[in-house]
């Protein structure tokens, strides 16, 4: 089957998709977007979190055919648009994770980045206060990390929230 949808704002087509194939498989193997990770294949770990029509979801649990005509946003889409040199640079959430030391093995990172971006859009991006620790922990509860004690991840979310608030007040 052929599936037509948007990924990170661009129209894409995936051909020869079999009925049981997951959106995660299509993104990684057919479209060359390896950011979302394949870990549990049960929607439990959050490593494959993407935006699906603007709502975060585990792409391992979405049949590829369900993406027909829909919009998908991946961790690759969080990067800043290309500048004069043509290369994309890290987005605010990605930069904060690197600076706070919240990236270790990197397996959980893509899902955490997408979920953090969503949290900040719903809070700071909507003109609300930056999220408190409890709100961050709740928002990221579906994303499992085996390398950290989560403190550096929470620090990264606070850093990204601070920068996003500053950017919003400057514009």
N, C-alpha and C. Protein backbone atom coordinates (compact mmCIF):
# COMPACT_ATOMS: atom_id res chain seq x y z
N UNK A 1 0.84 -1.17 0.00
CA UNK A 1 0.00 0.00 0.00
C UNK A 1 0.89 1.24 0.00
N UNK A 2 0.34 2.33 -0.46
CA UNK A 2 1.03 3.62 -0.50
C UNK A 2 0.39 4.50 0.57
N UNK A 3 1.24 5.21 1.34
CA UNK A 3 0.77 6.11 2.39
C UNK A 3 1.34 7.49 2.12
N UNK A 4 0.46 8.48 2.03
CA UNK A 4 0.84 9.88 1.80
C UNK A 4 0.51 10.68 3.05
N UNK A 5 1.49 11.40 3.56
CA UNK A 5 1.27 12.23 4.74
C UNK A 5 2.35 13.30 4.81
N UNK A 6 2.29 14.16 5.83
CA UNK A 6 3.30 15.19 6.01
C UNK A 6 4.20 14.80 7.18
N UNK A 7 5.48 15.00 6.99
CA UNK A 7 6.44 14.80 8.07
C UNK A 7 7.25 16.08 8.20
N UNK A 8 7.19 16.65 9.38
CA UNK A 8 7.92 17.91 9.65
C UNK A 8 7.62 18.97 8.59
N UNK A 9 6.35 19.02 8.18
CA UNK A 9 5.89 20.04 7.24
C UNK A 9 6.06 19.72 5.77
N UNK A 10 6.69 18.59 5.46
CA UNK A 10 6.91 18.22 4.06
C UNK A 10 6.04 17.04 3.66
N UNK A 11 5.48 17.10 2.45
CA UNK A 11 4.69 15.98 1.93
C UNK A 11 5.63 14.81 1.64
N UNK A 12 5.24 13.62 2.10
CA UNK A 12 6.03 12.41 1.85
C UNK A 12 5.12 11.29 1.37
N UNK A 13 5.71 10.33 0.70
CA UNK A 13 5.00 9.13 0.26
C UNK A 13 5.84 7.92 0.64
N UNK A 14 5.20 6.96 1.27
CA UNK A 14 5.86 5.68 1.58
C UNK A 14 5.18 4.61 0.75
N UNK A 15 5.95 3.94 -0.08
CA UNK A 15 5.42 2.89 -0.94
C UNK A 15 5.70 1.51 -0.36
N UNK A 16 4.92 0.54 -0.81
CA UNK A 16 5.08 -0.86 -0.43
C UNK A 16 4.98 -1.09 1.08
N UNK A 17 4.13 -0.31 1.72
CA UNK A 17 3.91 -0.46 3.16
C UNK A 17 2.98 -1.65 3.36
N UNK A 18 3.36 -2.57 4.22
CA UNK A 18 2.48 -3.71 4.48
C UNK A 18 1.51 -3.36 5.60
N UNK A 19 0.35 -3.99 5.65
CA UNK A 19 -0.72 -3.61 6.57
C UNK A 19 -0.35 -3.52 8.05
N UNK A 20 0.55 -4.37 8.54
CA UNK A 20 0.88 -4.35 9.96
C UNK A 20 2.07 -3.49 10.32
N UNK A 21 2.61 -2.76 9.36
CA UNK A 21 3.80 -1.96 9.59
C UNK A 21 3.48 -0.75 10.47
N UNK A 22 4.39 -0.45 11.39
CA UNK A 22 4.18 0.69 12.27
C UNK A 22 4.67 2.00 11.64
N UNK A 23 4.13 3.08 12.12
CA UNK A 23 4.60 4.40 11.69
C UNK A 23 6.07 4.55 12.03
N UNK A 24 6.49 4.03 13.17
CA UNK A 24 7.90 4.10 13.56
C UNK A 24 8.78 3.44 12.51
N UNK A 25 8.40 2.27 12.04
CA UNK A 25 9.18 1.57 11.02
C UNK A 25 9.26 2.40 9.74
N UNK A 26 8.14 2.96 9.33
CA UNK A 26 8.11 3.77 8.11
C UNK A 26 9.03 4.98 8.26
N UNK A 27 8.96 5.65 9.39
CA UNK A 27 9.80 6.83 9.61
C UNK A 27 11.28 6.46 9.54
N UNK A 28 11.66 5.42 10.25
CA UNK A 28 13.07 5.04 10.34
C UNK A 28 13.60 4.38 9.07
N UNK A 29 12.89 3.38 8.61
CA UNK A 29 13.42 2.52 7.55
C UNK A 29 13.05 2.95 6.14
N UNK A 30 11.90 3.55 5.97
CA UNK A 30 11.46 3.92 4.62
C UNK A 30 11.74 5.39 4.31
N UNK A 31 11.69 6.24 5.34
CA UNK A 31 11.87 7.67 5.10
C UNK A 31 13.23 8.20 5.58
N UNK A 32 14.04 7.35 6.19
CA UNK A 32 15.37 7.76 6.60
C UNK A 32 15.40 8.77 7.73
N UNK A 33 14.44 8.67 8.64
CA UNK A 33 14.39 9.56 9.81
C UNK A 33 14.63 8.71 11.06
N UNK A 34 15.90 8.48 11.41
CA UNK A 34 16.22 7.55 12.49
C UNK A 34 16.12 8.12 13.90
N UNK A 35 15.68 9.35 14.04
CA UNK A 35 15.64 9.98 15.36
C UNK A 35 14.78 9.24 16.36
N UNK A 36 13.57 8.90 16.01
CA UNK A 36 12.68 8.16 16.91
C UNK A 36 13.26 6.76 17.06
N UNK A 37 13.36 6.31 18.30
CA UNK A 37 14.02 5.03 18.56
C UNK A 37 13.02 3.90 18.75
N UNK A 38 13.45 2.70 18.36
CA UNK A 38 12.65 1.49 18.51
C UNK A 38 13.17 0.76 19.74
N UNK A 39 12.43 0.85 20.84
CA UNK A 39 12.90 0.21 22.07
C UNK A 39 11.94 -0.89 22.51
N UNK A 40 10.76 -0.55 22.96
CA UNK A 40 9.88 -1.56 23.55
C UNK A 40 8.84 -2.13 22.59
N UNK A 41 8.50 -1.40 21.56
CA UNK A 41 7.47 -1.79 20.59
C UNK A 41 6.11 -2.05 21.25
N UNK A 42 5.90 -1.45 22.43
CA UNK A 42 4.64 -1.64 23.16
C UNK A 42 4.06 -0.33 23.67
N UNK A 43 4.63 0.79 23.27
CA UNK A 43 4.12 2.08 23.72
C UNK A 43 4.36 2.37 25.18
N UNK A 44 5.35 1.72 25.78
CA UNK A 44 5.61 1.87 27.21
C UNK A 44 6.78 2.77 27.56
N UNK A 45 7.75 2.92 26.63
CA UNK A 45 9.00 3.60 27.01
C UNK A 45 9.08 5.04 26.54
N UNK A 46 8.34 5.40 25.50
CA UNK A 46 8.35 6.77 25.00
C UNK A 46 9.48 7.13 24.06
N UNK A 47 10.37 6.19 23.76
CA UNK A 47 11.52 6.50 22.88
C UNK A 47 11.12 6.87 21.47
N UNK A 48 9.93 6.46 21.07
CA UNK A 48 9.48 6.71 19.69
C UNK A 48 8.43 7.82 19.60
N UNK A 49 8.34 8.65 20.63
CA UNK A 49 7.32 9.69 20.68
C UNK A 49 7.47 10.68 19.52
N UNK A 50 6.35 10.94 18.87
CA UNK A 50 6.26 11.91 17.78
C UNK A 50 5.00 12.74 17.99
N UNK A 51 4.89 13.81 17.23
CA UNK A 51 3.62 14.52 17.16
C UNK A 51 2.80 13.84 16.07
N UNK A 52 1.55 13.52 16.37
CA UNK A 52 0.64 12.93 15.40
C UNK A 52 -0.58 13.84 15.36
N UNK A 53 -0.69 14.63 14.30
CA UNK A 53 -1.72 15.68 14.21
C UNK A 53 -1.67 16.59 15.44
N UNK A 54 -0.47 16.95 15.85
CA UNK A 54 -0.27 17.92 16.92
C UNK A 54 -0.33 17.37 18.33
N UNK A 55 -0.55 16.07 18.48
CA UNK A 55 -0.64 15.44 19.80
C UNK A 55 0.48 14.42 19.91
N UNK A 56 1.16 14.38 21.04
CA UNK A 56 2.24 13.41 21.17
C UNK A 56 1.68 11.99 21.25
N UNK A 57 2.39 11.06 20.60
CA UNK A 57 1.96 9.67 20.57
C UNK A 57 3.17 8.78 20.33
N UNK A 58 3.07 7.54 20.74
CA UNK A 58 4.13 6.55 20.49
C UNK A 58 3.93 6.01 19.08
N UNK A 59 4.90 6.28 18.22
CA UNK A 59 4.77 5.89 16.82
C UNK A 59 4.83 4.38 16.62
N UNK A 60 5.32 3.64 17.61
CA UNK A 60 5.34 2.18 17.50
C UNK A 60 3.93 1.59 17.59
N UNK A 61 3.01 2.36 18.13
CA UNK A 61 1.64 1.89 18.33
C UNK A 61 0.67 2.39 17.26
N UNK A 62 1.17 3.11 16.28
CA UNK A 62 0.34 3.64 15.21
C UNK A 62 0.61 2.85 13.94
N UNK A 63 -0.42 2.26 13.39
CA UNK A 63 -0.25 1.57 12.11
C UNK A 63 0.07 2.60 11.04
N UNK A 64 1.00 2.28 10.17
CA UNK A 64 1.45 3.23 9.16
C UNK A 64 0.28 3.76 8.33
N UNK A 65 -0.68 2.91 8.02
CA UNK A 65 -1.83 3.33 7.22
C UNK A 65 -2.66 4.41 7.88
N UNK A 66 -2.60 4.49 9.21
CA UNK A 66 -3.34 5.54 9.93
C UNK A 66 -2.77 6.93 9.66
N UNK A 67 -1.56 6.99 9.15
CA UNK A 67 -0.93 8.29 8.89
C UNK A 67 -1.42 8.92 7.59
N UNK A 68 -2.16 8.19 6.77
CA UNK A 68 -2.65 8.71 5.49
C UNK A 68 -3.34 10.06 5.70
N UNK A 69 -2.80 11.09 5.02
CA UNK A 69 -3.39 12.43 5.07
C UNK A 69 -3.15 13.17 6.38
N UNK A 70 -2.34 12.64 7.27
CA UNK A 70 -2.13 13.24 8.59
C UNK A 70 -0.79 13.99 8.62
N UNK A 71 -0.54 14.63 9.75
CA UNK A 71 0.72 15.35 9.95
C UNK A 71 1.49 14.71 11.09
N UNK A 72 2.76 14.46 10.84
CA UNK A 72 3.65 13.86 11.83
C UNK A 72 4.82 14.80 12.05
N UNK A 73 5.18 14.98 13.30
CA UNK A 73 6.36 15.78 13.65
C UNK A 73 7.33 14.90 14.42
N UNK A 74 8.56 14.84 13.97
CA UNK A 74 9.57 14.01 14.62
C UNK A 74 10.59 14.87 15.34
N UNK A 75 11.49 14.22 16.05
CA UNK A 75 12.55 14.94 16.74
C UNK A 75 13.40 15.73 15.76
N UNK A 76 13.55 15.23 14.54
CA UNK A 76 14.32 15.97 13.53
C UNK A 76 13.67 17.32 13.24
N UNK A 77 12.35 17.40 13.37
CA UNK A 77 11.62 18.63 13.11
C UNK A 77 11.78 19.69 14.19
N UNK A 78 12.40 19.33 15.31
CA UNK A 78 12.62 20.30 16.38
C UNK A 78 13.82 21.20 16.10
N UNK A 79 14.65 20.81 15.16
CA UNK A 79 15.82 21.61 14.81
C UNK A 79 15.37 22.92 14.17
N UNK A 80 16.22 23.92 14.30
CA UNK A 80 15.93 25.22 13.69
C UNK A 80 16.02 25.10 12.18
N UNK A 81 15.26 25.90 11.50
CA UNK A 81 15.30 25.91 10.03
C UNK A 81 16.69 26.27 9.55
N UNK A 82 17.06 25.80 8.38
CA UNK A 82 18.40 26.07 7.86
C UNK A 82 18.67 27.57 7.72
N UNK A 83 19.87 27.92 8.06
CA UNK A 83 20.29 29.31 7.89
C UNK A 83 20.94 29.49 6.53
N UNK A 84 21.79 30.48 6.42
CA UNK A 84 22.44 30.78 5.14
C UNK A 84 23.33 29.63 4.66
N UNK A 85 23.91 28.89 5.59
CA UNK A 85 24.77 27.78 5.20
C UNK A 85 24.01 26.54 4.79
N UNK A 86 22.70 26.53 5.04
CA UNK A 86 21.87 25.40 4.64
C UNK A 86 21.74 24.31 5.68
N UNK A 87 22.56 24.34 6.72
CA UNK A 87 22.50 23.32 7.76
C UNK A 87 21.52 23.71 8.85
N UNK A 88 20.79 22.71 9.33
CA UNK A 88 19.91 22.95 10.46
C UNK A 88 20.77 22.97 11.73
N UNK A 89 20.34 23.73 12.71
CA UNK A 89 21.02 23.76 14.00
C UNK A 89 20.05 23.25 15.06
N UNK A 90 20.59 22.93 16.20
CA UNK A 90 19.75 22.41 17.28
C UNK A 90 18.69 23.43 17.70
N UNK A 91 17.51 22.94 18.04
CA UNK A 91 16.46 23.78 18.57
C UNK A 91 16.71 24.06 20.04
N UNK A 92 15.90 24.90 20.64
CA UNK A 92 16.12 25.31 22.02
C UNK A 92 16.09 24.14 23.01
N UNK A 93 15.17 23.22 22.83
CA UNK A 93 15.07 22.07 23.74
C UNK A 93 16.30 21.18 23.55
N UNK A 94 16.70 20.95 22.31
CA UNK A 94 17.87 20.11 22.04
C UNK A 94 19.13 20.72 22.65
N UNK A 95 19.31 22.03 22.47
CA UNK A 95 20.48 22.71 23.03
C UNK A 95 20.49 22.59 24.55
N UNK A 96 19.34 22.79 25.18
CA UNK A 96 19.26 22.72 26.65
C UNK A 96 19.62 21.33 27.16
N UNK A 97 19.18 20.28 26.46
CA UNK A 97 19.51 18.92 26.89
C UNK A 97 21.02 18.68 26.81
N UNK A 98 21.64 19.16 25.75
CA UNK A 98 23.09 18.99 25.61
C UNK A 98 23.81 19.77 26.72
N UNK A 99 23.44 21.03 26.90
CA UNK A 99 24.13 21.87 27.88
C UNK A 99 23.94 21.39 29.31
N UNK A 100 22.78 20.84 29.64
CA UNK A 100 22.51 20.37 31.00
C UNK A 100 23.06 18.97 31.25
N UNK A 101 23.62 18.34 30.23
CA UNK A 101 24.15 16.98 30.40
C UNK A 101 23.05 15.94 30.52
N UNK A 102 21.91 16.20 29.90
CA UNK A 102 20.76 15.30 30.01
C UNK A 102 20.77 14.22 28.93
N UNK A 103 21.81 14.21 28.11
CA UNK A 103 21.91 13.22 27.03
C UNK A 103 23.01 12.24 27.42
N UNK A 104 22.65 10.99 27.59
CA UNK A 104 23.68 9.99 27.88
C UNK A 104 23.74 9.00 26.74
N UNK A 105 23.09 7.86 26.84
CA UNK A 105 23.18 6.91 25.74
C UNK A 105 22.38 7.39 24.53
N UNK A 106 21.39 8.24 24.75
CA UNK A 106 20.64 8.84 23.66
C UNK A 106 19.41 8.07 23.22
N UNK A 107 19.16 6.90 23.81
CA UNK A 107 18.03 6.10 23.35
C UNK A 107 16.70 6.74 23.72
N UNK A 108 16.57 7.26 24.91
CA UNK A 108 15.32 7.88 25.35
C UNK A 108 15.21 9.33 24.88
N UNK A 109 16.33 9.93 24.52
CA UNK A 109 16.40 11.36 24.26
C UNK A 109 15.40 11.87 23.22
N UNK A 110 15.23 11.23 22.07
CA UNK A 110 14.29 11.77 21.09
C UNK A 110 12.87 11.92 21.64
N UNK A 111 12.40 10.91 22.34
CA UNK A 111 11.06 10.99 22.92
C UNK A 111 10.96 12.05 23.99
N UNK A 112 12.00 12.16 24.82
CA UNK A 112 12.02 13.20 25.85
C UNK A 112 12.02 14.58 25.24
N UNK A 113 12.75 14.76 24.14
CA UNK A 113 12.80 16.05 23.48
C UNK A 113 11.43 16.45 22.92
N UNK A 114 10.76 15.51 22.27
CA UNK A 114 9.43 15.81 21.70
C UNK A 114 8.45 16.10 22.83
N UNK A 115 8.48 15.29 23.88
CA UNK A 115 7.55 15.49 25.00
C UNK A 115 7.82 16.81 25.72
N UNK A 116 9.09 17.17 25.86
CA UNK A 116 9.45 18.45 26.48
C UNK A 116 8.98 19.61 25.61
N UNK A 117 9.19 19.51 24.31
CA UNK A 117 8.71 20.56 23.41
C UNK A 117 7.21 20.74 23.56
N UNK A 118 6.49 19.65 23.62
CA UNK A 118 5.04 19.72 23.79
C UNK A 118 4.67 20.39 25.11
N UNK A 119 5.32 20.01 26.18
CA UNK A 119 5.06 20.62 27.49
C UNK A 119 5.32 22.12 27.44
N UNK A 120 6.43 22.52 26.84
CA UNK A 120 6.75 23.95 26.80
C UNK A 120 5.80 24.73 25.89
N UNK A 121 5.33 24.10 24.83
CA UNK A 121 4.33 24.76 23.98
C UNK A 121 3.03 25.00 24.75
N UNK A 122 2.65 24.04 25.60
CA UNK A 122 1.40 24.14 26.36
C UNK A 122 1.52 25.08 27.56
N UNK A 123 2.73 25.38 27.96
CA UNK A 123 2.93 26.25 29.13
C UNK A 123 3.52 27.59 28.68
N UNK A 124 4.82 27.65 28.55
CA UNK A 124 5.52 28.89 28.20
C UNK A 124 5.02 29.44 26.87
N UNK A 125 4.84 28.57 25.88
CA UNK A 125 4.38 29.01 24.56
C UNK A 125 2.97 29.54 24.56
N UNK A 126 2.19 29.17 25.58
CA UNK A 126 0.81 29.64 25.69
C UNK A 126 0.70 30.82 26.66
N UNK A 127 1.87 31.37 27.05
CA UNK A 127 1.87 32.53 27.93
C UNK A 127 1.70 32.20 29.41
N UNK A 128 1.81 30.94 29.77
CA UNK A 128 1.70 30.53 31.17
C UNK A 128 3.09 30.50 31.80
N UNK A 129 3.11 30.30 33.12
CA UNK A 129 4.39 30.18 33.82
C UNK A 129 5.13 28.93 33.38
N UNK A 130 6.43 28.97 33.54
CA UNK A 130 7.25 27.79 33.25
C UNK A 130 6.79 26.65 34.16
N UNK A 131 6.87 25.42 33.67
CA UNK A 131 6.40 24.29 34.48
C UNK A 131 7.27 24.05 35.71
N UNK A 132 6.64 23.66 36.80
CA UNK A 132 7.34 23.30 38.03
C UNK A 132 7.80 21.85 37.91
N UNK A 133 8.65 21.43 38.84
CA UNK A 133 9.19 20.07 38.81
C UNK A 133 8.09 19.02 38.71
N UNK A 134 7.04 19.16 39.50
CA UNK A 134 5.97 18.15 39.50
C UNK A 134 5.29 18.06 38.14
N UNK A 135 5.08 19.20 37.50
CA UNK A 135 4.46 19.21 36.17
C UNK A 135 5.38 18.59 35.13
N UNK A 136 6.67 18.84 35.26
CA UNK A 136 7.65 18.24 34.35
C UNK A 136 7.65 16.73 34.52
N UNK A 137 7.70 16.28 35.76
CA UNK A 137 7.72 14.84 36.04
C UNK A 137 6.46 14.16 35.49
N UNK A 138 5.33 14.81 35.64
CA UNK A 138 4.08 14.23 35.12
C UNK A 138 4.10 14.17 33.59
N UNK A 139 4.56 15.24 32.96
CA UNK A 139 4.60 15.29 31.49
C UNK A 139 5.55 14.26 30.91
N UNK A 140 6.63 13.96 31.62
CA UNK A 140 7.64 13.04 31.12
C UNK A 140 7.49 11.63 31.69
N UNK A 141 6.44 11.38 32.42
CA UNK A 141 6.25 10.08 33.09
C UNK A 141 6.22 8.91 32.12
N UNK A 142 5.80 9.12 30.89
CA UNK A 142 5.74 8.04 29.91
C UNK A 142 7.03 7.81 29.16
N UNK A 143 8.08 8.52 29.54
CA UNK A 143 9.38 8.39 28.88
C UNK A 143 10.38 7.82 29.88
N UNK A 144 10.83 6.61 29.61
CA UNK A 144 11.74 5.93 30.53
C UNK A 144 13.19 6.13 30.13
N UNK A 145 14.02 6.41 31.13
CA UNK A 145 15.45 6.56 30.92
C UNK A 145 16.15 5.64 31.92
N UNK A 146 17.08 4.85 31.42
CA UNK A 146 17.79 3.93 32.30
C UNK A 146 19.18 4.45 32.69
N UNK A 147 19.61 5.54 32.09
CA UNK A 147 20.97 6.03 32.34
C UNK A 147 21.06 7.11 33.41
N UNK A 148 20.01 7.87 33.60
CA UNK A 148 20.11 9.03 34.51
C UNK A 148 19.16 8.88 35.68
N UNK A 149 19.30 9.77 36.62
CA UNK A 149 18.37 9.86 37.74
C UNK A 149 17.32 10.92 37.45
N UNK A 150 17.21 11.33 36.21
CA UNK A 150 16.23 12.30 35.73
C UNK A 150 16.52 13.74 36.15
N UNK A 151 17.42 13.98 37.10
CA UNK A 151 17.66 15.35 37.56
C UNK A 151 18.20 16.24 36.44
N UNK A 152 19.12 15.73 35.67
CA UNK A 152 19.68 16.54 34.57
C UNK A 152 18.63 16.78 33.49
N UNK A 153 17.72 15.83 33.32
CA UNK A 153 16.62 16.01 32.37
C UNK A 153 15.71 17.14 32.85
N UNK A 154 15.39 17.13 34.12
CA UNK A 154 14.55 18.21 34.68
C UNK A 154 15.28 19.54 34.58
N UNK A 155 16.58 19.55 34.86
CA UNK A 155 17.37 20.78 34.70
C UNK A 155 17.30 21.28 33.26
N UNK A 156 17.37 20.36 32.30
CA UNK A 156 17.31 20.73 30.88
C UNK A 156 15.96 21.33 30.53
N UNK A 157 14.89 20.77 31.07
CA UNK A 157 13.55 21.31 30.80
C UNK A 157 13.44 22.73 31.36
N UNK A 158 13.94 22.94 32.57
CA UNK A 158 13.92 24.29 33.16
C UNK A 158 14.73 25.27 32.30
N UNK A 159 15.89 24.84 31.84
CA UNK A 159 16.73 25.70 31.01
C UNK A 159 16.03 26.05 29.70
N UNK A 160 15.42 25.05 29.07
CA UNK A 160 14.70 25.30 27.82
C UNK A 160 13.50 26.21 28.05
N UNK A 161 12.81 26.03 29.17
CA UNK A 161 11.65 26.87 29.49
C UNK A 161 12.08 28.32 29.69
N UNK A 162 13.19 28.50 30.39
CA UNK A 162 13.72 29.84 30.63
C UNK A 162 14.07 30.53 29.31
N UNK A 163 14.74 29.81 28.44
CA UNK A 163 15.13 30.39 27.15
C UNK A 163 13.92 30.66 26.26
N UNK A 164 12.97 29.78 26.29
CA UNK A 164 11.77 29.99 25.46
C UNK A 164 10.99 31.19 25.98
N UNK A 165 10.93 31.36 27.29
CA UNK A 165 10.26 32.52 27.87
C UNK A 165 10.98 33.81 27.48
N UNK A 166 12.31 33.78 27.53
CA UNK A 166 13.09 34.95 27.14
C UNK A 166 12.88 35.29 25.66
N UNK A 167 12.87 34.26 24.84
CA UNK A 167 12.66 34.47 23.39
C UNK A 167 11.26 35.01 23.13
N UNK A 168 10.29 34.55 23.89
CA UNK A 168 8.91 35.01 23.72
C UNK A 168 8.74 36.45 24.16
N UNK A 169 9.43 36.86 25.22
CA UNK A 169 9.32 38.24 25.69
C UNK A 169 10.09 39.20 24.79
N UNK A 170 11.10 38.66 24.08
CA UNK A 170 11.90 39.51 23.19
C UNK A 170 11.18 39.78 21.87
N UNK A 171 10.23 38.93 21.52
CA UNK A 171 9.56 39.12 20.22
C UNK A 171 8.29 39.90 20.32
